[in-house]
Amino acid sequence: MSSAPGSWLTRSPKPPRPGRLVAYVALVILGAIVGTAGSLVQAAWLPGGLALALLASAGLFIGSRRATGTQLGVVCSAVGWLAAIVVLSTGRPEGDAMFGAGIGPLVFMLGGMAVAVMCATMSRAPQPGGGSGRLGG
């Protein structure tokens, strides 16, 4: 590999391992399950249910970051979570909808997305036995 500036743009990435692909698909499914459960719980017991739904979402996003060690793990779980939220928030032709009017569903949607972004942009934990990362020191 050349060390010319911009050479990382021209390198072909390694294909992901099959086990990692299965993990990413499982995180999308788990995200949809947590999003669906959170949608039901946040409306059932308003202050406590909302806190429980946001904590479960945060646990999913943090856990997916730690399990995969990549930002893509958080993105996969967030995609499943958001897909479930969007599908459940759309009403049916009869007028039925999962989310009612009020501040609770809005806080759940925006708060969950904010937690997903925070978890996806967290810095990586330092590697064990790693140095300071400074050159010449």
Protein backbone atom coordinates (compact mmCIF):
# COMPACT_ATOMS: atom_id res chain seq x y z
CA MET A 1 0.00 0.00 0.00
CA SER A 2 1.25 3.44 -0.77
CA SER A 3 1.31 6.06 1.89
CA ALA A 4 0.39 8.87 -0.46
CA PRO A 5 -2.23 11.31 0.78
CA GLY A 6 -5.70 10.09 -0.04
CA SER A 7 -4.59 6.50 -0.67
CA TRP A 8 -7.20 5.24 1.78
CA LEU A 9 -9.82 6.37 -0.72
CA THR A 10 -8.55 4.05 -3.41
CA ARG A 11 -8.02 0.92 -1.33
CA SER A 12 -10.64 -1.76 -1.65
CA PRO A 13 -12.07 -2.62 1.77
CA LYS A 14 -12.05 -6.16 3.04
CA PRO A 15 -15.40 -7.89 2.73
CA PRO A 16 -17.09 -8.31 6.11
CA ARG A 17 -16.98 -11.71 7.73
CA PRO A 18 -20.23 -13.72 7.68
CA GLY A 19 -20.45 -13.72 11.48
CA ARG A 20 -20.30 -9.94 11.56
CA LEU A 21 -23.05 -9.72 8.93
CA VAL A 22 -25.26 -11.98 11.04
CA ALA A 23 -24.58 -9.77 14.06
CA TYR A 24 -25.57 -6.64 12.14
CA VAL A 25 -28.82 -8.24 10.91
CA ALA A 26 -29.56 -9.41 14.46
CA LEU A 27 -29.01 -5.86 15.73
CA VAL A 28 -31.50 -4.50 13.19
CA ILE A 29 -34.09 -7.04 14.39
CA LEU A 30 -33.30 -6.34 18.06
CA GLY A 31 -33.62 -2.62 17.40
CA ALA A 32 -37.07 -3.15 15.93
CA ILE A 33 -38.11 -5.21 18.95
CA VAL A 34 -36.85 -2.59 21.43
CA GLY A 35 -38.50 0.20 19.42
CA THR A 36 -41.82 -1.63 19.40
CA ALA A 37 -41.66 -2.43 23.11
CA GLY A 38 -40.65 1.13 23.91
CA SER A 39 -43.57 2.47 21.90
CA LEU A 40 -45.97 0.39 23.96
CA VAL A 41 -44.36 1.08 27.34
CA GLN A 42 -43.82 4.83 27.00
CA ALA A 43 -47.54 5.46 26.62
CA ALA A 44 -48.66 2.99 29.28
CA TRP A 45 -47.02 4.58 32.33
CA LEU A 46 -46.22 8.11 31.28
CA PRO A 47 -43.31 9.30 33.39
CA GLY A 48 -41.93 5.91 34.38
CA GLY A 49 -42.68 4.17 31.11
CA LEU A 50 -41.03 6.92 29.12
CA ALA A 51 -37.89 6.70 31.26
CA LEU A 52 -37.89 2.91 30.97
CA ALA A 53 -38.28 3.04 27.18
CA LEU A 54 -35.43 5.55 26.83
CA LEU A 55 -33.20 3.51 29.14
CA ALA A 56 -33.90 0.37 27.13
CA SER A 57 -33.05 2.21 23.92
CA ALA A 58 -29.84 3.56 25.45
CA GLY A 59 -28.94 0.07 26.65
CA LEU A 60 -29.48 -1.30 23.15
CA PHE A 61 -27.31 1.36 21.52
CA ILE A 62 -24.51 1.15 24.07
CA GLY A 63 -24.61 -2.64 23.99
CA SER A 64 -24.45 -2.75 20.22
CA ARG A 65 -21.45 -0.40 20.27
CA ARG A 66 -19.64 -2.59 22.80
CA ALA A 67 -20.62 -5.86 21.13
CA THR A 68 -19.42 -4.94 17.66
CA GLY A 69 -16.82 -2.33 18.55
CA THR A 70 -17.92 -0.26 15.57
CA GLN A 71 -20.23 2.63 14.85
CA LEU A 72 -21.99 0.46 12.30
CA GLY A 73 -23.36 -1.69 15.12
CA VAL A 74 -25.09 1.32 16.62
CA VAL A 75 -26.33 2.39 13.20
CA CYS A 76 -27.84 -1.06 12.55
CA SER A 77 -29.71 -1.13 15.85
CA ALA A 78 -30.81 2.50 15.37
CA VAL A 79 -32.14 1.71 11.88
CA GLY A 80 -34.29 -1.12 13.26
CA TRP A 81 -35.41 1.05 16.18
CA LEU A 82 -36.30 3.99 13.94
CA ALA A 83 -38.07 1.79 11.38
CA ALA A 84 -40.32 0.36 14.10
CA ILE A 85 -41.03 3.84 15.48
CA VAL A 86 -41.93 5.24 12.04
CA VAL A 87 -44.15 2.30 11.15
CA LEU A 88 -45.98 2.48 14.46
CA SER A 89 -46.39 6.25 14.33
CA THR A 90 -48.23 6.23 11.03
CA GLY A 91 -51.97 5.98 11.42
CA ARG A 92 -54.29 3.53 9.78
CA PRO A 93 -57.08 4.63 7.43
CA GLU A 94 -59.57 4.08 10.26
CA GLY A 95 -57.75 6.68 12.33
CA ASP A 96 -56.06 4.30 14.77
CA ALA A 97 -52.45 5.07 15.68
CA MET A 98 -49.99 3.65 18.18
CA PHE A 99 -48.80 7.03 19.36
CA GLY A 100 -51.21 9.43 20.96
CA ALA A 101 -50.99 13.17 21.01
CA GLY A 102 -48.78 14.71 23.65
CA ILE A 103 -45.22 15.32 24.68
CA GLY A 104 -44.41 11.70 25.64
CA PRO A 105 -44.14 10.21 22.15
CA LEU A 106 -42.18 13.22 20.94
CA VAL A 107 -39.69 12.94 23.79
CA PHE A 108 -39.38 9.20 23.12
CA MET A 109 -38.65 9.67 19.41
CA LEU A 110 -36.30 12.63 19.71
CA GLY A 111 -34.64 11.35 22.87
CA GLY A 112 -34.03 7.92 21.36
CA MET A 113 -32.52 9.42 18.24
CA ALA A 114 -30.30 11.70 20.33
CA VAL A 115 -29.07 8.73 22.38
CA ALA A 116 -28.35 6.79 19.18
CA VAL A 117 -26.30 9.66 17.80
CA MET A 118 -24.39 10.02 21.07
CA CYS A 119 -23.59 6.31 21.16
CA ALA A 120 -22.54 6.26 17.51
CA THR A 121 -20.16 9.17 17.98
CA MET A 122 -18.58 8.02 21.23
CA SER A 123 -14.85 7.61 21.12
CA ARG A 124 -13.45 4.13 21.28
CA ALA A 125 -12.20 2.79 24.55
CA PRO A 126 -8.38 2.70 24.77
CA GLN A 127 -6.83 -0.63 23.88
CA PRO A 128 -5.32 -2.55 26.79
CA GLY A 129 -1.56 -2.17 26.93
CA GLY A 130 -1.65 0.63 24.39
CA GLY A 131 0.64 3.59 24.68
CA SER A 132 -0.30 7.21 24.72
CA GLY A 133 -0.58 7.25 20.93
CA ARG A 134 1.91 10.08 20.62
CA LEU A 135 4.75 9.78 18.19
CA GLY A 136 8.25 9.89 19.58
CA GLY A 137 7.13 9.78 23.15
